[in-house]
Amino acid sequence: MTSLLGPARPEVVAVSPPPAPAAPADSVTRPPRWRRAAGRVTLVATGLWLGYVVTHPFLSGRFWWMLLPDLAPPFLFVAMPLVLAALVPLASCRRVRAVTALLATVALLAGVPQAGLRLPGGAPTVPAGAIKVVSWNTQFWEQDEDPAAFYDYLRRFDADVYLLQEYLYFTDAPRPIDKLAEIKREFPGYEIVANSELITLSRLPIVSSRALDGSAWLSAERGSAPPPGTDFLPYWTTKTLRTDIVVGGGTVAFYNVHIPVQLDGGRSPFTGRFYSVIREQSARREASWRALTADLDTVSGPALVSGDFNSTSAMGELDVLRDRLRQQEVTSGGLYPSTWDARGHGWWRLDHVFAGGSLDVYTYDIRDSAGLSDHKAQELKVGLRH
């Protein structure tokens, strides 16, 4: 039937477009793969570092193979957890970030005492009557230097006592030297005691002296015996020279020390000989420590032990001295005092001072070597407590 108004219009029905397919849930909530991996790696690295820091005091000085990780500069005990903490934001998971940050904080707190940092303090007081002591590894005396400049450097300290190491020449092998006549000319009024590669100068009266021979603790089985045919046997057996000197009405035992180096830097770490040398050197170091501590145990009066220990403050080998004496801290300078390498980065403090009995160390400064040695000099003001 046709409407009077015209034909009927068809009914229009609105059709909604089909819904867009939902995006995969992973692309919305899951972080990029690299962030997940970075978080896991940082967490594992932080946990491993914390494990090393916590166990280090119990391992160092007790096992020969610890000499290798102990070559790392001690400031890493502070630097490493700070670096790891800086990487925490890379982790996408909140829980991973929290755990990593906690582990890094604990590692930092546990590492600070091992980092060799110097906390600032007040200006020390030096009483009247204090004497000056200089301890220095000369790096093969003046073998490659101008002798005049070398002796001028030493004289400028005007020290009462000099404890000097590496009184020798070294090319392919250590060679003894005899410079006593010229030393007496350069230092008139000083008494001189020399043995092996160690020499002590004093303008105070010397009561007695003796070299501490570690032969009893050296053995061919451990590879620590002197090499056959050596023409400088004391270099291998005697690493400490004790000199008893009159100071302020008393007598002080001064120990001039040079502990053997850990390794042969000219060998590749990809060879077995590299590691066997470390083990041999560990045995030589142990013999040197034993000779030193055996003599220290006979001393009831004041003593000062100083020299090149080829050990950082973080290394457990120094515990044999810390158990008997007071380790002295540098009284001036920056946050991280170092003594080696004086010609390079200066990332290590290998030279130390220990005092015992009534001997007080008032000032302890580290002095530049003026390019004459790879070690900086240690300058002390010391005196007897009354």
Protein backbone atom coordinates (compact mmCIF):
# COMPACT_ATOMS: atom_id res chain seq x y z
CA MET A 1 0.00 0.00 0.00
CA THR A 2 1.40 3.35 -0.96
CA SER A 3 1.36 6.16 1.57
CA LEU A 4 -0.17 9.40 0.54
CA LEU A 5 3.16 10.93 1.50
CA GLY A 6 5.12 8.80 -0.87
CA PRO A 7 6.88 5.51 -0.74
CA ALA A 8 8.16 4.29 2.65
CA ARG A 9 11.91 4.84 3.42
CA PRO A 10 14.02 1.92 4.36
CA GLU A 11 14.97 1.74 8.06
CA VAL A 12 18.60 2.68 8.75
CA VAL A 13 20.38 0.58 11.35
CA ALA A 14 23.67 1.87 12.82
CA VAL A 15 26.39 -0.75 12.88
CA SER A 16 29.36 -0.27 15.24
CA PRO A 17 32.80 -1.08 13.80
CA PRO A 18 34.35 -4.23 15.16
CA PRO A 19 36.59 -3.62 18.16
CA ALA A 20 40.30 -3.38 17.45
CA PRO A 21 42.23 -6.44 18.52
CA ALA A 22 43.69 -6.04 22.01
CA ALA A 23 47.41 -5.46 22.19
CA PRO A 24 49.38 -8.30 23.69
CA ALA A 25 49.75 -7.87 27.41
CA ASP A 26 53.56 -8.28 27.22
CA SER A 27 53.96 -5.19 25.00
CA VAL A 28 52.15 -3.04 27.54
CA THR A 29 53.50 -4.19 30.89
CA ARG A 30 56.76 -6.02 30.14
CA PRO A 31 59.93 -3.86 30.02
CA PRO A 32 62.50 -4.19 27.28
CA ARG A 33 64.58 -7.33 27.39
CA TRP A 34 67.85 -5.40 27.80
CA ARG A 35 66.61 -3.76 30.99
CA ARG A 36 65.60 -7.08 32.49
CA ALA A 37 69.03 -8.49 31.61
CA ALA A 38 70.83 -5.42 32.96
CA GLY A 39 68.97 -5.70 36.24
CA ARG A 40 69.87 -9.36 36.67
CA VAL A 41 73.52 -8.81 35.77
CA THR A 42 73.85 -5.86 38.17
CA LEU A 43 72.21 -7.83 40.98
CA VAL A 44 74.51 -10.81 40.51
CA ALA A 45 77.61 -8.61 40.20
CA THR A 46 76.72 -6.73 43.38
CA GLY A 47 76.14 -9.96 45.27
CA LEU A 48 79.47 -11.38 44.14
CA TRP A 49 81.30 -8.18 45.05
CA LEU A 50 79.72 -8.14 48.50
CA GLY A 51 80.81 -11.75 48.98
CA TYR A 52 84.38 -10.83 48.06
CA VAL A 53 84.46 -7.81 50.37
CA VAL A 54 83.11 -9.75 53.33
CA THR A 55 85.39 -12.76 52.90
CA HIS A 56 88.51 -10.80 51.91
CA PRO A 57 89.77 -10.19 55.47
CA PHE A 58 89.59 -13.93 56.16
CA LEU A 59 91.33 -14.99 52.94
CA SER A 60 94.01 -12.36 52.36
CA GLY A 61 97.33 -13.29 53.92
CA ARG A 62 96.32 -16.92 54.39
CA PHE A 63 96.42 -18.32 50.86
CA TRP A 64 99.14 -17.66 48.29
CA TRP A 65 96.66 -17.21 45.43
CA MET A 66 95.14 -14.20 47.21
CA LEU A 67 98.25 -12.24 46.24
CA LEU A 68 96.73 -11.95 42.76
CA PRO A 69 93.40 -10.25 43.63
CA ASP A 70 95.26 -8.25 46.28
CA LEU A 71 97.10 -6.50 43.45
CA ALA A 72 93.95 -4.43 42.85
CA PRO A 73 94.18 -0.89 44.23
CA PRO A 74 92.31 -0.65 47.56
CA PHE A 75 90.19 2.34 46.50
CA LEU A 76 88.09 -0.18 44.56
CA PHE A 77 86.54 -1.19 47.88
CA VAL A 78 84.74 2.16 47.74
CA ALA A 79 84.59 2.79 44.01
CA MET A 80 83.06 -0.54 43.01
CA PRO A 81 79.90 -0.39 45.17
CA LEU A 82 79.35 3.22 44.06
CA VAL A 83 79.53 2.14 40.40
CA LEU A 84 77.16 -0.73 41.04
CA ALA A 85 74.76 1.56 42.88
CA ALA A 86 74.77 3.92 39.91
CA LEU A 87 73.59 1.02 37.71
CA VAL A 88 70.60 0.23 39.94
CA PRO A 89 68.12 2.39 37.93
CA LEU A 90 68.74 0.22 34.88
CA ALA A 91 66.78 -2.59 36.51
CA SER A 92 63.10 -2.56 35.59
CA CYS A 93 61.88 -4.57 38.57
CA ARG A 94 61.33 -2.60 41.75
CA ARG A 95 62.31 -5.54 43.92
CA VAL A 96 65.55 -6.08 42.01
CA ARG A 97 66.40 -2.39 42.40
CA ALA A 98 65.76 -2.50 46.14
CA VAL A 99 67.83 -5.65 46.74
CA THR A 100 70.71 -4.43 44.56
CA ALA A 101 70.79 -1.06 46.33
CA LEU A 102 70.85 -2.79 49.72
CA LEU A 103 73.69 -5.10 48.72
CA ALA A 104 75.70 -2.18 47.30
CA THR A 105 75.23 -0.22 50.53
CA VAL A 106 76.40 -3.12 52.69
CA ALA A 107 79.40 -3.65 50.36
CA LEU A 108 80.32 0.02 50.69
CA LEU A 109 80.13 -0.03 54.49
CA ALA A 110 82.16 -3.24 54.67
CA GLY A 111 84.70 -1.94 52.14
CA VAL A 112 85.49 1.47 53.63
CA PRO A 113 87.81 0.07 56.37
CA GLN A 114 89.79 -1.78 53.68
CA ALA A 115 90.03 1.09 51.20
CA GLY A 116 93.09 2.86 52.66
CA LEU A 117 91.33 6.18 53.06
CA ARG A 118 92.68 8.88 55.34
CA LEU A 119 90.13 10.72 57.46
CA PRO A 120 91.01 14.40 58.07
CA GLY A 121 92.23 15.29 61.53
CA GLY A 122 93.62 18.18 63.48
CA ALA A 123 97.16 19.48 63.18
CA PRO A 124 99.48 17.23 65.21
CA THR A 125 101.64 18.59 67.99
CA VAL A 126 105.35 17.88 67.81
CA PRO A 127 107.07 18.16 71.21
CA ALA A 128 110.60 19.39 71.66
CA GLY A 129 113.19 16.68 71.28
CA ALA A 130 111.39 14.81 68.51
CA ILE A 131 113.66 13.31 65.87
CA LYS A 132 113.13 13.01 62.12
CA VAL A 133 113.12 9.62 60.40
CA VAL A 134 113.00 9.07 56.63
CA SER A 135 112.14 5.70 55.11
CA TRP A 136 112.49 5.27 51.34
CA ASN A 137 112.84 2.62 48.66
CA THR A 138 115.52 4.18 46.45
CA GLN A 139 114.85 1.95 43.40
CA PHE A 140 118.35 0.57 42.87
CA TRP A 141 120.17 3.40 44.62
CA GLU A 142 121.40 5.87 41.96
CA GLN A 143 121.88 3.26 39.24
CA ASP A 144 120.01 5.26 36.59
CA GLU A 145 120.18 8.69 38.21
CA ASP A 146 122.64 11.51 38.68
CA PRO A 147 124.44 10.66 41.96
CA ALA A 148 124.70 14.34 42.89
CA ALA A 149 120.93 14.81 42.54
CA PHE A 150 120.32 11.58 44.43
CA TYR A 151 122.40 12.55 47.46
CA ASP A 152 121.12 16.12 47.37
CA TYR A 153 117.56 14.79 47.60
CA LEU A 154 118.43 12.73 50.66
CA ARG A 155 120.34 15.52 52.39
CA ARG A 156 117.43 17.93 52.01
CA PHE A 157 115.45 15.89 54.53
CA ASP A 158 118.11 16.53 57.18
CA ALA A 159 116.88 13.40 58.94
CA ASP A 160 118.34 11.96 62.10
CA VAL A 161 117.75 8.40 60.86
CA TYR A 162 117.46 7.12 57.29
CA LEU A 163 115.97 3.68 56.58
CA LEU A 164 116.76 3.00 52.92
CA GLN A 165 115.94 -0.01 50.76
CA GLU A 166 117.31 -1.29 47.46
CA TYR A 167 120.90 -0.40 48.20
CA LEU A 168 121.98 -2.38 45.13
CA TYR A 169 122.04 -2.33 41.34
CA PHE A 170 119.75 -4.49 39.28
CA THR A 171 119.97 -5.36 35.59
CA ASP A 172 119.30 -9.00 34.77
CA ALA A 173 119.95 -9.95 38.39
CA PRO A 174 120.55 -8.12 41.69
CA ARG A 175 124.14 -6.94 42.17
CA PRO A 176 125.69 -5.79 45.45
CA ILE A 177 127.33 -2.38 45.55
CA ASP A 178 129.82 -0.69 47.86
CA LYS A 179 129.12 3.03 48.15
CA LEU A 180 130.10 3.43 51.79
CA ALA A 181 133.05 5.75 51.11
CA GLU A 182 130.98 8.25 49.13
CA ILE A 183 128.04 7.98 51.55
CA LYS A 184 130.37 8.93 54.40
CA ARG A 185 131.51 11.94 52.39
CA GLU A 186 127.95 12.97 51.66
CA PHE A 187 126.73 12.40 55.23
CA PRO A 188 129.55 13.35 57.61
CA GLY A 189 128.84 12.57 61.23
CA TYR A 190 126.47 9.71 60.46
CA GLU A 191 127.00 6.10 61.50
CA ILE A 192 126.20 3.64 58.74
CA VAL A 193 125.03 0.03 58.85
CA ALA A 194 124.49 -1.93 55.62
CA ASN A 195 123.52 -5.52 54.93
CA SER A 196 121.96 -7.19 51.90
CA GLU A 197 120.02 -4.46 50.05
CA LEU A 198 119.30 -2.47 53.23
CA ILE A 199 121.21 0.48 54.64
CA THR A 200 120.55 2.58 57.74
CA LEU A 201 122.16 5.96 58.45
CA SER A 202 122.02 7.58 61.88
CA ARG A 203 123.57 10.65 63.41
CA LEU A 204 122.37 9.37 66.78
CA PRO A 205 124.48 6.74 68.55
CA ILE A 206 124.01 3.18 67.29
CA VAL A 207 124.11 0.61 70.08
CA SER A 208 123.96 -2.54 67.94
CA SER A 209 122.65 -3.92 64.67
CA ARG A 210 121.87 -7.25 63.07
CA ALA A 211 120.45 -8.57 59.85
CA LEU A 212 117.44 -10.87 60.16
CA ASP A 213 118.14 -13.97 58.11
CA GLY A 214 115.08 -15.85 56.87
CA SER A 215 117.00 -18.89 55.60
CA ALA A 216 115.37 -21.14 58.18
CA TRP A 217 112.01 -20.66 56.47
CA LEU A 218 113.20 -20.96 52.87
CA SER A 219 113.06 -24.30 51.10
CA ALA A 220 113.74 -25.76 47.68
CA GLU A 221 110.51 -27.76 47.94
CA ARG A 222 108.42 -24.60 48.02
CA GLY A 223 110.53 -22.92 45.37
CA SER A 224 111.66 -20.19 47.76
CA ALA A 225 115.31 -21.17 48.11
CA PRO A 226 117.85 -18.75 46.57
CA PRO A 227 118.59 -19.52 42.92
CA PRO A 228 121.67 -21.71 42.48
CA GLY A 229 124.86 -19.89 41.68
CA THR A 230 123.71 -16.48 42.92
CA ASP A 231 126.55 -14.13 43.82
CA PHE A 232 124.29 -12.07 46.11
CA LEU A 233 122.93 -14.57 48.61
CA PRO A 234 121.86 -12.02 51.30
CA TYR A 235 119.46 -10.43 48.79
CA TRP A 236 117.40 -13.62 48.90
CA THR A 237 117.69 -14.42 52.60
CA THR A 238 117.83 -11.08 54.44
CA LYS A 239 114.96 -8.61 54.02
CA THR A 240 115.10 -6.81 57.38
CA LEU A 241 117.93 -4.90 59.07
CA ARG A 242 117.51 -4.09 62.76
CA THR A 243 119.47 -1.19 64.24
CA ASP A 244 119.18 -0.20 67.91
CA ILE A 245 119.66 3.56 68.26
CA VAL A 246 119.76 5.87 71.27
CA VAL A 247 116.81 8.28 71.19
CA GLY A 248 116.14 10.76 73.99
CA GLY A 249 117.76 8.75 76.75
CA GLY A 250 116.28 5.44 75.64
CA THR A 251 117.03 2.85 72.98
CA VAL A 252 114.70 2.26 70.04
CA ALA A 253 114.82 -0.80 67.77
CA PHE A 254 114.56 0.47 64.18
CA TYR A 255 113.58 -2.17 61.62
CA ASN A 256 114.41 -1.39 57.98
CA VAL A 257 112.18 -3.69 55.91
CA HIS A 258 111.74 -4.71 52.27
CA ILE A 259 109.30 -7.59 51.77
CA PRO A 260 109.73 -9.36 48.39
CA VAL A 261 107.45 -8.41 45.52
CA GLN A 262 104.49 -10.67 44.68
CA LEU A 263 105.07 -11.56 41.04
CA ASP A 264 107.18 -11.22 37.93
CA GLY A 265 105.43 -8.54 35.91
CA GLY A 266 107.30 -9.55 32.78
CA ARG A 267 105.55 -12.93 32.54
CA SER A 268 102.25 -13.55 30.80
CA PRO A 269 99.30 -14.51 33.05
CA PHE A 270 98.39 -17.07 30.39
CA THR A 271 101.37 -19.23 31.32
CA GLY A 272 101.68 -21.63 34.22
CA ARG A 273 105.03 -20.13 35.21
CA PHE A 274 103.30 -16.83 36.02
CA TYR A 275 101.38 -18.50 38.85
CA SER A 276 104.22 -20.71 40.05
CA VAL A 277 106.32 -17.56 40.52
CA ILE A 278 103.55 -16.05 42.66
CA ARG A 279 103.59 -19.17 44.83
CA GLU A 280 107.38 -19.03 45.16
CA GLN A 281 107.28 -15.35 46.05
CA SER A 282 104.57 -16.03 48.60
CA ALA A 283 106.93 -18.48 50.31
CA ARG A 284 109.75 -15.91 50.27
CA ARG A 285 107.43 -13.29 51.70
CA GLU A 286 106.35 -15.67 54.45
CA ALA A 287 109.99 -16.34 55.35
CA SER A 288 110.62 -12.59 55.57
CA TRP A 289 107.58 -12.06 57.81
CA ARG A 290 108.65 -14.91 60.09
CA ALA A 291 112.19 -13.61 60.48
CA LEU A 292 110.84 -10.16 61.31
CA THR A 293 108.17 -11.24 63.79
CA ALA A 294 110.46 -13.74 65.50
CA ASP A 295 112.85 -10.90 66.31
CA LEU A 296 110.06 -8.50 67.24
CA ASP A 297 108.86 -10.94 69.84
CA THR A 298 112.18 -10.50 71.64
CA VAL A 299 111.76 -6.71 71.93
CA SER A 300 110.30 -5.39 75.17
CA GLY A 301 111.09 -1.73 74.56
CA PRO A 302 110.11 0.83 71.91
CA ALA A 303 110.35 -0.16 68.27
CA LEU A 304 109.72 1.34 64.83
CA VAL A 305 109.18 -0.84 61.75
CA SER A 306 109.17 0.86 58.37
CA GLY A 307 109.99 0.28 54.74
CA ASP A 308 108.56 -1.16 51.54
CA PHE A 309 106.21 -4.01 52.43
CA ASN A 310 104.87 -4.54 48.92
CA SER A 311 101.52 -4.82 50.70
CA THR A 312 98.53 -2.53 50.90
CA SER A 313 96.71 -1.84 54.16
CA ALA A 314 93.90 -4.11 52.93
CA MET A 315 96.16 -7.17 52.81
CA GLY A 316 96.01 -9.66 55.64
CA GLU A 317 99.77 -10.19 55.65
CA LEU A 318 100.14 -6.99 57.65
CA ASP A 319 98.12 -8.55 60.47
CA VAL A 320 101.32 -10.12 61.86
CA LEU A 321 102.50 -6.56 62.57
CA ARG A 322 99.11 -5.13 63.52
CA ASP A 323 98.85 -7.86 66.19
CA ARG A 324 102.11 -6.65 67.75
CA LEU A 325 102.40 -2.92 66.95
CA ARG A 326 100.35 0.15 66.12
CA GLN A 327 99.98 0.87 62.42
CA GLN A 328 100.52 4.59 61.83
CA GLU A 329 98.26 6.64 59.58
CA VAL A 330 99.41 9.52 57.41
CA THR A 331 98.83 12.81 59.23
CA SER A 332 98.67 15.09 56.19
CA GLY A 333 97.75 14.97 52.54
CA GLY A 334 94.68 13.90 50.63
CA LEU A 335 91.91 11.43 51.19
CA TYR A 336 93.79 8.56 49.55
CA PRO A 337 97.53 8.67 50.33
CA SER A 338 99.71 6.47 48.13
CA THR A 339 103.42 5.73 47.83
CA TRP A 340 103.59 3.76 44.55
CA ASP A 341 103.89 4.21 41.61
CA ALA A 342 105.41 7.67 42.16
CA ARG A 343 105.92 8.02 38.39
CA GLY A 344 102.51 6.70 37.40
CA HIS A 345 98.95 6.74 38.72
CA GLY A 346 99.91 6.38 42.37
CA TRP A 347 97.09 3.97 43.20
CA TRP A 348 98.87 1.95 45.88
CA ARG A 349 100.33 2.59 49.32
CA LEU A 350 102.94 -0.15 49.72
CA ASP A 351 105.14 1.61 52.30
CA HIS A 352 104.06 1.70 55.94
CA VAL A 353 105.09 2.57 59.47
CA PHE A 354 104.45 0.62 62.67
CA ALA A 355 105.38 1.74 66.17
CA GLY A 356 105.48 -0.12 69.46
CA GLY A 357 106.09 0.46 73.13
CA SER A 358 106.65 4.02 74.29
CA LEU A 359 107.56 5.33 70.84
CA ASP A 360 105.09 7.89 69.49
CA VAL A 361 104.82 9.03 65.88
CA TYR A 362 103.77 12.69 65.89
CA THR A 363 103.74 13.40 62.15
CA TYR A 364 103.79 11.08 59.17
CA ASP A 365 104.11 12.70 55.74
CA ILE A 366 104.53 11.20 52.29
CA ARG A 367 107.03 13.10 50.13
CA ASP A 368 107.46 13.10 46.37
CA SER A 369 110.55 11.28 45.12
CA ALA A 370 111.53 13.99 42.62
CA GLY A 371 111.60 11.41 39.84
CA LEU A 372 114.44 9.47 41.49
CA SER A 373 112.39 6.41 42.46
CA ASP A 374 109.06 4.75 41.81
CA HIS A 375 108.40 4.98 45.56
CA LYS A 376 107.61 8.13 47.49
CA ALA A 377 109.47 8.74 50.72
CA GLN A 378 108.00 8.53 54.22
CA GLU A 379 109.00 11.33 56.59
CA LEU A 380 108.29 10.98 60.31
CA LYS A 381 108.69 12.94 63.52
CA VAL A 382 108.97 10.52 66.42
CA GLY A 383 109.89 10.56 70.11
CA LEU A 384 109.71 8.59 73.31
CA ARG A 385 106.74 8.98 75.62
CA HIS A 386 107.69 9.97 79.16
